[in-house]
Amino acid sequence: MKKLLLTAFIATLSLNAAHAYQVELNGGVGYSNIDAPGSSIETSIFGGSATYYFDQVHTQNGPLAEAAFSQRASNVSAGYSYSNSDHGLDVQNFNIAGEYYIPNSNFYASANIDRPKFQGHGSNDGTYGVEVGLLPISDLLIAIGVVGTYNQHDNDTDPTIRAKYLTKLGSNDVNLEGNVRIGDHSDSYGISGDYYLDRTLSVGASYNLRTEDHFDDSYSVGINARKFLAENVSLQAGVNAGQTLGNDDYGFSVGGTYRF
């Protein structure tokens, strides 16, 4: 009975939404644990986002998760997240972002801004990013930019570079991504990949490293999976483990996506 109800629910969500979409809604929850000296810090995270594409995104070919990238679909998005730790630190974060693929060219631009709010108090802190990029061949993006941190005491801006490549490995699709941020006192590096067993199902892995002057390196290794139950409905989950400033940490997340 439960299986029949779930099938009917998915079919209802999919009605009139298959093969094309213009809005994407994402939501999820997560948990992290850092084993600090003498105690542990547990944090729960809740978040969601909405993305609007200027033109309809079609999903007839290729991995469903990569449809917008393959079609160079310009968009704007907004997101919100809330995290709460057992040490009494509550953080709300608001995000606005946009991507623009310049028509009839291979050029790309993006921008984003994050605005956190700590423990119910206003804050002048935040981060922003701006990129320009080139797509020299189909499904390859190379972008350079800057990421900035601003607060009431200081401003800091670091250069960045990242790449994304959707290609074939045998008869299956593979998504490869990498990014680098170079700062005055800290650097960060990230690589990730997703292997598509078919156009609806992927498994992936990631590795992120952050080095800081006078502190131990922080790193995280993660694995994830995503499954489209219908062309416009997906579920995803991931786990990660590593170290933060010399302290062991681990976490997990689950989420869902609905497109229409």
C-alpha atoms as a PDB file:
ATOM      1  CA  MET A   1       0.000   0.000   0.000  1.00  0.00           C
ATOM      2  CA  LYS A   2       2.782   2.429   0.926  1.00  0.00           C
ATOM      3  CA  LYS A   3       4.566   1.642  -2.342  1.00  0.00           C
ATOM      4  CA  LEU A   4       1.387   2.363  -4.332  1.00  0.00           C
ATOM      5  CA  LEU A   5       0.910   5.698  -2.534  1.00  0.00           C
ATOM      6  CA  LEU A   6       4.529   6.708  -3.210  1.00  0.00           C
ATOM      7  CA  THR A   7       4.163   5.791  -6.891  1.00  0.00           C
ATOM      8  CA  ALA A   8       0.979   7.840  -7.153  1.00  0.00           C
ATOM      9  CA  PHE A   9       2.621  10.817  -5.406  1.00  0.00           C
ATOM     10  CA  ILE A  10       5.590  10.805  -7.773  1.00  0.00           C
ATOM     11  CA  ALA A  11       3.293  10.488 -10.775  1.00  0.00           C
ATOM     12  CA  THR A  12       1.296  13.514  -9.584  1.00  0.00           C
ATOM     13  CA  LEU A  13       4.449  15.628  -9.184  1.00  0.00           C
ATOM     14  CA  SER A  14       5.613  14.563 -12.651  1.00  0.00           C
ATOM     15  CA  LEU A  15       2.363  15.462 -14.406  1.00  0.00           C
ATOM     16  CA  ASN A  16       2.911  18.066 -17.137  1.00  0.00           C
ATOM     17  CA  ALA A  17       6.533  18.543 -16.030  1.00  0.00           C
ATOM     18  CA  ALA A  18       8.449  15.868 -17.935  1.00  0.00           C
ATOM     19  CA  HIS A  19      11.007  16.770 -20.601  1.00  0.00           C
ATOM     20  CA  ALA A  20      11.250  20.483 -19.711  1.00  0.00           C
ATOM     21  CA  TYR A  21      11.405  22.741 -16.680  1.00  0.00           C
ATOM     22  CA  GLN A  22      12.053  26.387 -15.821  1.00  0.00           C
ATOM     23  CA  VAL A  23      12.086  26.360 -11.995  1.00  0.00           C
ATOM     24  CA  GLU A  24      14.072  24.090  -9.683  1.00  0.00           C
ATOM     25  CA  LEU A  25      13.419  23.763  -5.945  1.00  0.00           C
ATOM     26  CA  ASN A  26      15.971  22.129  -3.632  1.00  0.00           C
ATOM     27  CA  GLY A  27      15.759  21.263   0.048  1.00  0.00           C
ATOM     28  CA  GLY A  28      17.791  19.233   2.489  1.00  0.00           C
ATOM     29  CA  VAL A  29      19.031  18.542   5.993  1.00  0.00           C
ATOM     30  CA  GLY A  30      22.494  17.730   7.293  1.00  0.00           C
ATOM     31  CA  TYR A  31      24.468  16.881  10.392  1.00  0.00           C
ATOM     32  CA  SER A  32      28.134  17.343  11.341  1.00  0.00           C
ATOM     33  CA  ASN A  33      30.232  16.359  14.361  1.00  0.00           C
ATOM     34  CA  ILE A  34      33.656  17.775  15.240  1.00  0.00           C
ATOM     35  CA  ASP A  35      35.624  15.998  17.975  1.00  0.00           C
ATOM     36  CA  ALA A  36      37.128  19.032  19.684  1.00  0.00           C
ATOM     37  CA  PRO A  37      39.505  18.578  22.661  1.00  0.00           C
ATOM     38  CA  GLY A  38      37.502  17.438  25.678  1.00  0.00           C
ATOM     39  CA  SER A  39      34.161  17.547  23.875  1.00  0.00           C
ATOM     40  CA  SER A  40      32.408  17.296  20.539  1.00  0.00           C
ATOM     41  CA  ILE A  41      30.546  19.947  18.560  1.00  0.00           C
ATOM     42  CA  GLU A  42      27.354  18.700  16.918  1.00  0.00           C
ATOM     43  CA  THR A  43      25.622  20.847  14.313  1.00  0.00           C
ATOM     44  CA  SER A  44      22.298  20.385  12.533  1.00  0.00           C
ATOM     45  CA  ILE A  45      21.735  22.133   9.195  1.00  0.00           C
ATOM     46  CA  PHE A  46      18.522  22.852   7.271  1.00  0.00           C
ATOM     47  CA  GLY A  47      18.364  24.622   3.935  1.00  0.00           C
ATOM     48  CA  GLY A  48      16.576  25.246   0.677  1.00  0.00           C
ATOM     49  CA  SER A  49      16.978  27.113  -2.594  1.00  0.00           C
ATOM     50  CA  ALA A  50      15.041  28.075  -5.711  1.00  0.00           C
ATOM     51  CA  THR A  51      16.465  28.584  -9.202  1.00  0.00           C
ATOM     52  CA  TYR A  52      14.711  30.284 -12.108  1.00  0.00           C
ATOM     53  CA  TYR A  53      15.968  29.686 -15.654  1.00  0.00           C
ATOM     54  CA  PHE A  54      15.402  32.388 -18.239  1.00  0.00           C
ATOM     55  CA  ASP A  55      14.412  29.766 -20.822  1.00  0.00           C
ATOM     56  CA  GLN A  56      12.987  26.281 -20.487  1.00  0.00           C
ATOM     57  CA  VAL A  57      15.528  23.516 -19.898  1.00  0.00           C
ATOM     58  CA  HIS A  58      14.861  20.350 -21.891  1.00  0.00           C
ATOM     59  CA  THR A  59      15.812  16.915 -20.612  1.00  0.00           C
ATOM     60  CA  GLN A  60      15.511  14.584 -23.593  1.00  0.00           C
ATOM     61  CA  ASN A  61      19.194  13.612 -23.758  1.00  0.00           C
ATOM     62  CA  GLY A  62      22.093  13.144 -21.356  1.00  0.00           C
ATOM     63  CA  PRO A  63      22.142  12.988 -17.542  1.00  0.00           C
ATOM     64  CA  LEU A  64      19.111  14.682 -16.005  1.00  0.00           C
ATOM     65  CA  ALA A  65      21.283  16.319 -13.335  1.00  0.00           C
ATOM     66  CA  GLU A  66      23.409  18.056 -16.002  1.00  0.00           C
ATOM     67  CA  ALA A  67      20.647  19.303 -18.301  1.00  0.00           C
ATOM     68  CA  ALA A  68      20.985  22.998 -17.400  1.00  0.00           C
ATOM     69  CA  PHE A  69      24.782  22.973 -17.770  1.00  0.00           C
ATOM     70  CA  SER A  70      24.703  21.139 -21.114  1.00  0.00           C
ATOM     71  CA  GLN A  71      22.180  23.638 -22.487  1.00  0.00           C
ATOM     72  CA  ARG A  72      24.038  26.648 -21.048  1.00  0.00           C
ATOM     73  CA  ALA A  73      20.905  27.769 -19.258  1.00  0.00           C
ATOM     74  CA  SER A  74      21.255  31.230 -17.705  1.00  0.00           C
ATOM     75  CA  ASN A  75      19.595  31.564 -14.320  1.00  0.00           C
ATOM     76  CA  VAL A  76      19.127  33.386 -11.012  1.00  0.00           C
ATOM     77  CA  SER A  77      18.757  31.701  -7.636  1.00  0.00           C
ATOM     78  CA  ALA A  78      18.134  32.406  -3.975  1.00  0.00           C
ATOM     79  CA  GLY A  79      18.816  30.214  -0.967  1.00  0.00           C
ATOM     80  CA  TYR A  80      18.475  30.072   2.793  1.00  0.00           C
ATOM     81  CA  SER A  81      20.105  27.837   5.397  1.00  0.00           C
ATOM     82  CA  TYR A  82      19.947  27.550   9.176  1.00  0.00           C
ATOM     83  CA  SER A  83      22.460  25.760  11.369  1.00  0.00           C
ATOM     84  CA  ASN A  84      22.304  25.088  15.084  1.00  0.00           C
ATOM     85  CA  SER A  85      25.094  23.635  17.237  1.00  0.00           C
ATOM     86  CA  ASP A  86      24.814  22.127  20.698  1.00  0.00           C
ATOM     87  CA  HIS A  87      27.230  24.861  21.848  1.00  0.00           C
ATOM     88  CA  GLY A  88      24.550  27.485  21.292  1.00  0.00           C
ATOM     89  CA  LEU A  89      25.750  28.934  17.974  1.00  0.00           C
ATOM     90  CA  ASP A  90      22.845  29.595  15.602  1.00  0.00           C
ATOM     91  CA  VAL A  91      23.600  30.848  12.092  1.00  0.00           C
ATOM     92  CA  GLN A  92      21.197  31.880   9.351  1.00  0.00           C
ATOM     93  CA  ASN A  93      22.593  32.432   5.867  1.00  0.00           C
ATOM     94  CA  PHE A  94      20.971  34.119   2.867  1.00  0.00           C
ATOM     95  CA  ASN A  95      22.359  33.652  -0.644  1.00  0.00           C
ATOM     96  CA  ILE A  96      21.637  35.226  -4.023  1.00  0.00           C
ATOM     97  CA  ALA A  97      23.424  34.074  -7.188  1.00  0.00           C
ATOM     98  CA  GLY A  98      23.238  34.202 -10.951  1.00  0.00           C
ATOM     99  CA  GLU A  99      24.824  32.599 -14.013  1.00  0.00           C
ATOM    100  CA  TYR A 100      24.778  34.076 -17.500  1.00  0.00           C
ATOM    101  CA  TYR A 101      25.853  32.341 -20.701  1.00  0.00           C
ATOM    102  CA  ILE A 102      26.365  35.101 -23.265  1.00  0.00           C
ATOM    103  CA  PRO A 103      24.210  34.259 -26.312  1.00  0.00           C
ATOM    104  CA  ASN A 104      25.917  33.281 -29.564  1.00  0.00           C
ATOM    105  CA  SER A 105      29.304  33.055 -27.862  1.00  0.00           C
ATOM    106  CA  ASN A 106      31.376  30.788 -25.644  1.00  0.00           C
ATOM    107  CA  PHE A 107      31.610  33.274 -22.767  1.00  0.00           C
ATOM    108  CA  TYR A 108      30.148  32.967 -19.284  1.00  0.00           C
ATOM    109  CA  ALA A 109      29.770  35.115 -16.162  1.00  0.00           C
ATOM    110  CA  SER A 110      28.509  34.489 -12.633  1.00  0.00           C
ATOM    111  CA  ALA A 111      28.104  36.315  -9.340  1.00  0.00           C
ATOM    112  CA  ASN A 112      26.932  35.468  -5.831  1.00  0.00           C
ATOM    113  CA  ILE A 113      26.639  37.043  -2.411  1.00  0.00           C
ATOM    114  CA  ASP A 114      26.129  35.423   1.015  1.00  0.00           C
ATOM    115  CA  ARG A 115      24.850  37.220   4.086  1.00  0.00           C
ATOM    116  CA  PRO A 116      25.005  35.385   7.441  1.00  0.00           C
ATOM    117  CA  LYS A 117      23.207  36.336  10.623  1.00  0.00           C
ATOM    118  CA  PHE A 118      24.598  35.031  13.916  1.00  0.00           C
ATOM    119  CA  GLN A 119      22.503  34.115  16.978  1.00  0.00           C
ATOM    120  CA  GLY A 120      19.654  36.442  16.137  1.00  0.00           C
ATOM    121  CA  HIS A 121      21.874  39.528  15.771  1.00  0.00           C
ATOM    122  CA  GLY A 122      22.529  41.538  12.651  1.00  0.00           C
ATOM    123  CA  SER A 123      25.954  41.312  11.049  1.00  0.00           C
ATOM    124  CA  ASN A 124      27.999  43.212   8.512  1.00  0.00           C
ATOM    125  CA  ASP A 125      29.901  40.049   7.642  1.00  0.00           C
ATOM    126  CA  GLY A 126      29.458  38.332   4.302  1.00  0.00           C
ATOM    127  CA  THR A 127      31.107  36.867   1.236  1.00  0.00           C
ATOM    128  CA  TYR A 128      30.797  37.515  -2.479  1.00  0.00           C
ATOM    129  CA  GLY A 129      32.140  36.001  -5.671  1.00  0.00           C
ATOM    130  CA  VAL A 130      32.441  37.101  -9.284  1.00  0.00           C
ATOM    131  CA  GLU A 131      33.592  34.967 -12.227  1.00  0.00           C
ATOM    132  CA  VAL A 132      34.147  35.161 -15.952  1.00  0.00           C
ATOM    133  CA  GLY A 133      34.551  32.009 -17.968  1.00  0.00           C
ATOM    134  CA  LEU A 134      35.052  30.368 -21.336  1.00  0.00           C
ATOM    135  CA  LEU A 135      33.533  27.228 -22.851  1.00  0.00           C
ATOM    136  CA  PRO A 136      36.177  26.324 -25.469  1.00  0.00           C
ATOM    137  CA  ILE A 137      34.407  23.062 -26.357  1.00  0.00           C
ATOM    138  CA  SER A 138      31.028  21.562 -25.616  1.00  0.00           C
ATOM    139  CA  ASP A 139      30.441  20.759 -21.920  1.00  0.00           C
ATOM    140  CA  LEU A 140      33.755  22.246 -20.715  1.00  0.00           C
ATOM    141  CA  LEU A 141      33.773  25.394 -18.570  1.00  0.00           C
ATOM    142  CA  ILE A 142      36.914  27.147 -17.339  1.00  0.00           C
ATOM    143  CA  ALA A 143      36.322  30.171 -15.098  1.00  0.00           C
ATOM    144  CA  ILE A 144      38.489  32.616 -13.176  1.00  0.00           C
ATOM    145  CA  GLY A 145      37.313  35.095 -10.591  1.00  0.00           C
ATOM    146  CA  VAL A 146      37.581  36.514  -7.112  1.00  0.00           C
ATOM    147  CA  VAL A 147      36.001  35.559  -3.795  1.00  0.00           C
ATOM    148  CA  GLY A 148      35.774  38.255  -1.164  1.00  0.00           C
ATOM    149  CA  THR A 149      35.054  38.376   2.542  1.00  0.00           C
ATOM    150  CA  TYR A 150      33.858  41.634   4.070  1.00  0.00           C
ATOM    151  CA  ASN A 151      33.125  42.639   7.650  1.00  0.00           C
ATOM    152  CA  GLN A 152      33.151  45.739   9.815  1.00  0.00           C
ATOM    153  CA  HIS A 153      36.872  45.372  10.511  1.00  0.00           C
ATOM    154  CA  ASP A 154      38.488  44.230   7.270  1.00  0.00           C
ATOM    155  CA  ASN A 155      37.980  43.201   3.641  1.00  0.00           C
ATOM    156  CA  ASP A 156      39.764  40.300   1.983  1.00  0.00           C
ATOM    157  CA  THR A 157      39.732  39.268  -1.686  1.00  0.00           C
ATOM    158  CA  ASP A 158      41.256  36.076  -3.119  1.00  0.00           C
ATOM    159  CA  PRO A 159      41.655  34.898  -6.743  1.00  0.00           C
ATOM    160  CA  THR A 160      39.939  31.685  -7.828  1.00  0.00           C
ATOM    161  CA  ILE A 161      39.935  29.285 -10.756  1.00  0.00           C
ATOM    162  CA  ARG A 162      37.628  26.372 -11.429  1.00  0.00           C
ATOM    163  CA  ALA A 163      36.750  23.940 -14.197  1.00  0.00           C
ATOM    164  CA  LYS A 164      33.812  21.670 -14.987  1.00  0.00           C
ATOM    165  CA  TYR A 165      33.825  18.996 -17.694  1.00  0.00           C
ATOM    166  CA  LEU A 166      31.033  16.631 -18.670  1.00  0.00           C
ATOM    167  CA  THR A 167      32.393  13.852 -20.850  1.00  0.00           C
ATOM    168  CA  LYS A 168      32.095  10.161 -21.686  1.00  0.00           C
ATOM    169  CA  LEU A 169      33.811   7.206 -20.046  1.00  0.00           C
ATOM    170  CA  GLY A 170      32.974   4.310 -22.310  1.00  0.00           C
ATOM    171  CA  SER A 171      29.239   4.512 -22.886  1.00  0.00           C
ATOM    172  CA  ASN A 172      28.529   6.353 -19.618  1.00  0.00           C
ATOM    173  CA  ASP A 173      28.716  10.040 -18.690  1.00  0.00           C
ATOM    174  CA  VAL A 174      31.191  11.471 -16.172  1.00  0.00           C
ATOM    175  CA  ASN A 175      31.186  14.921 -14.567  1.00  0.00           C
ATOM    176  CA  LEU A 176      34.562  16.223 -13.348  1.00  0.00           C
ATOM    177  CA  GLU A 177      35.077  19.437 -11.357  1.00  0.00           C
ATOM    178  CA  GLY A 178      37.981  21.212  -9.715  1.00  0.00           C
ATOM    179  CA  ASN A 179      38.543  24.533  -7.945  1.00  0.00           C
ATOM    180  CA  VAL A 180      41.371  26.505  -6.348  1.00  0.00           C
ATOM    181  CA  ARG A 181      41.313  29.579  -4.092  1.00  0.00           C
ATOM    182  CA  ILE A 182      44.594  31.312  -3.242  1.00  0.00           C
ATOM    183  CA  GLY A 183      44.614  33.596  -0.183  1.00  0.00           C
ATOM    184  CA  ASP A 184      47.132  35.625   1.777  1.00  0.00           C
ATOM    185  CA  HIS A 185      47.018  33.314   4.787  1.00  0.00           C
ATOM    186  CA  SER A 186      45.060  30.283   3.572  1.00  0.00           C
ATOM    187  CA  ASP A 187      44.512  28.314   0.361  1.00  0.00           C
ATOM    188  CA  SER A 188      41.765  25.853  -0.551  1.00  0.00           C
ATOM    189  CA  TYR A 189      41.533  23.147  -3.208  1.00  0.00           C
ATOM    190  CA  GLY A 190      38.698  20.881  -4.260  1.00  0.00           C
ATOM    191  CA  ILE A 191      38.108  18.071  -6.732  1.00  0.00           C
ATOM    192  CA  SER A 192      34.968  16.033  -7.338  1.00  0.00           C
ATOM    193  CA  GLY A 193      33.498  13.602  -9.820  1.00  0.00           C
ATOM    194  CA  ASP A 194      30.157  11.993 -10.622  1.00  0.00           C
ATOM    195  CA  TYR A 195      29.743   8.761 -12.572  1.00  0.00           C
ATOM    196  CA  TYR A 196      26.355   8.249 -14.235  1.00  0.00           C
ATOM    197  CA  LEU A 197      25.273   4.629 -14.294  1.00  0.00           C
ATOM    198  CA  ASP A 198      22.395   5.857 -16.448  1.00  0.00           C
ATOM    199  CA  ARG A 199      20.816   9.268 -17.048  1.00  0.00           C
ATOM    200  CA  THR A 200      18.844   9.021 -13.778  1.00  0.00           C
ATOM    201  CA  LEU A 201      21.411   7.596 -11.318  1.00  0.00           C
ATOM    202  CA  SER A 202      24.873   8.824 -10.289  1.00  0.00           C
ATOM    203  CA  VAL A 203      27.483   8.061  -7.659  1.00  0.00           C
ATOM    204  CA  GLY A 204      30.230  10.509  -6.802  1.00  0.00           C
ATOM    205  CA  ALA A 205      33.211  11.363  -4.653  1.00  0.00           C
ATOM    206  CA  SER A 206      34.932  14.574  -3.533  1.00  0.00           C
ATOM    207  CA  TYR A 207      38.064  15.775  -1.759  1.00  0.00           C
ATOM    208  CA  ASN A 208      38.561  19.243  -0.271  1.00  0.00           C
ATOM    209  CA  LEU A 209      41.711  20.643   1.357  1.00  0.00           C
ATOM    210  CA  ARG A 210      42.284  23.925   3.198  1.00  0.00           C
ATOM    211  CA  THR A 211      45.712  25.061   4.354  1.00  0.00           C
ATOM    212  CA  GLU A 212      46.185  27.913   6.837  1.00  0.00           C
ATOM    213  CA  ASP A 213      49.233  29.670   8.224  1.00  0.00           C
ATOM    214  CA  HIS A 214      50.069  28.529  11.768  1.00  0.00           C
ATOM    215  CA  PHE A 215      47.227  25.952  11.846  1.00  0.00           C
ATOM    216  CA  ASP A 216      46.842  22.295  10.922  1.00  0.00           C
ATOM    217  CA  ASP A 217      45.418  21.563   7.483  1.00  0.00           C
ATOM    218  CA  SER A 218      41.698  20.838   7.197  1.00  0.00           C
ATOM    219  CA  TYR A 219      40.384  18.275   4.731  1.00  0.00           C
ATOM    220  CA  SER A 220      37.237  16.358   3.894  1.00  0.00           C
ATOM    221  CA  VAL A 221      36.542  13.243   1.820  1.00  0.00           C
ATOM    222  CA  GLY A 222      32.976  12.612   0.699  1.00  0.00           C
ATOM    223  CA  ILE A 223      30.852  10.166  -1.264  1.00  0.00           C
ATOM    224  CA  ASN A 224      27.354  10.796  -2.594  1.00  0.00           C
ATOM    225  CA  ALA A 225      24.571   9.400  -4.746  1.00  0.00           C
ATOM    226  CA  ARG A 226      21.611  10.899  -6.597  1.00  0.00           C
ATOM    227  CA  LYS A 227      18.588   9.219  -8.152  1.00  0.00           C
ATOM    228  CA  PHE A 228      15.853  10.752 -10.308  1.00  0.00           C
ATOM    229  CA  LEU A 229      12.595   8.999  -9.443  1.00  0.00           C
ATOM    230  CA  ALA A 230      11.000  10.837 -12.345  1.00  0.00           C
ATOM    231  CA  GLU A 231      12.358  13.332 -14.864  1.00  0.00           C
ATOM    232  CA  ASN A 232      11.605  16.194 -12.482  1.00  0.00           C
ATOM    233  CA  VAL A 233      11.958  14.583  -9.018  1.00  0.00           C
ATOM    234  CA  SER A 234      15.220  13.442  -7.433  1.00  0.00           C
ATOM    235  CA  LEU A 235      16.604  12.361  -4.074  1.00  0.00           C
ATOM    236  CA  GLN A 236      20.255  12.622  -3.031  1.00  0.00           C
ATOM    237  CA  ALA A 237      22.407  11.724  -0.048  1.00  0.00           C
ATOM    238  CA  GLY A 238      26.047  12.029   0.975  1.00  0.00           C
ATOM    239  CA  VAL A 239      28.500  11.313   3.781  1.00  0.00           C
ATOM    240  CA  ASN A 240      31.867  12.905   4.545  1.00  0.00           C
ATOM    241  CA  ALA A 241      34.757  12.546   6.983  1.00  0.00           C
ATOM    242  CA  GLY A 242      38.012  14.406   7.577  1.00  0.00           C
ATOM    243  CA  GLN A 243      39.697  16.855   9.905  1.00  0.00           C
ATOM    244  CA  THR A 244      39.008  20.469  10.852  1.00  0.00           C
ATOM    245  CA  LEU A 245      42.033  22.298  12.297  1.00  0.00           C
ATOM    246  CA  GLY A 246      43.428  18.980  13.539  1.00  0.00           C
ATOM    247  CA  ASN A 247      40.126  17.696  14.973  1.00  0.00           C
ATOM    248  CA  ASP A 248      38.348  14.682  13.488  1.00  0.00           C
ATOM    249  CA  ASP A 249      34.946  15.378  11.952  1.00  0.00           C
ATOM    250  CA  TYR A 250      32.238  13.619  10.004  1.00  0.00           C
ATOM    251  CA  GLY A 251      28.787  14.386   8.667  1.00  0.00           C
ATOM    252  CA  PHE A 252      25.958  13.409   6.350  1.00  0.00           C
ATOM    253  CA  SER A 253      23.208  15.070   4.331  1.00  0.00           C
ATOM    254  CA  VAL A 254      19.989  14.122   2.526  1.00  0.00           C
ATOM    255  CA  GLY A 255      17.932  16.210   0.166  1.00  0.00           C
ATOM    256  CA  GLY A 256      15.479  16.378  -2.683  1.00  0.00           C
ATOM    257  CA  THR A 257      14.822  18.329  -5.885  1.00  0.00           C
ATOM    258  CA  TYR A 258      11.603  19.200  -7.696  1.00  0.00           C
ATOM    259  CA  ARG A 259      11.512  20.791 -11.150  1.00  0.00           C
ATOM    260  CA  PHE A 260       8.608  22.319 -13.039  1.00  0.00           C
END
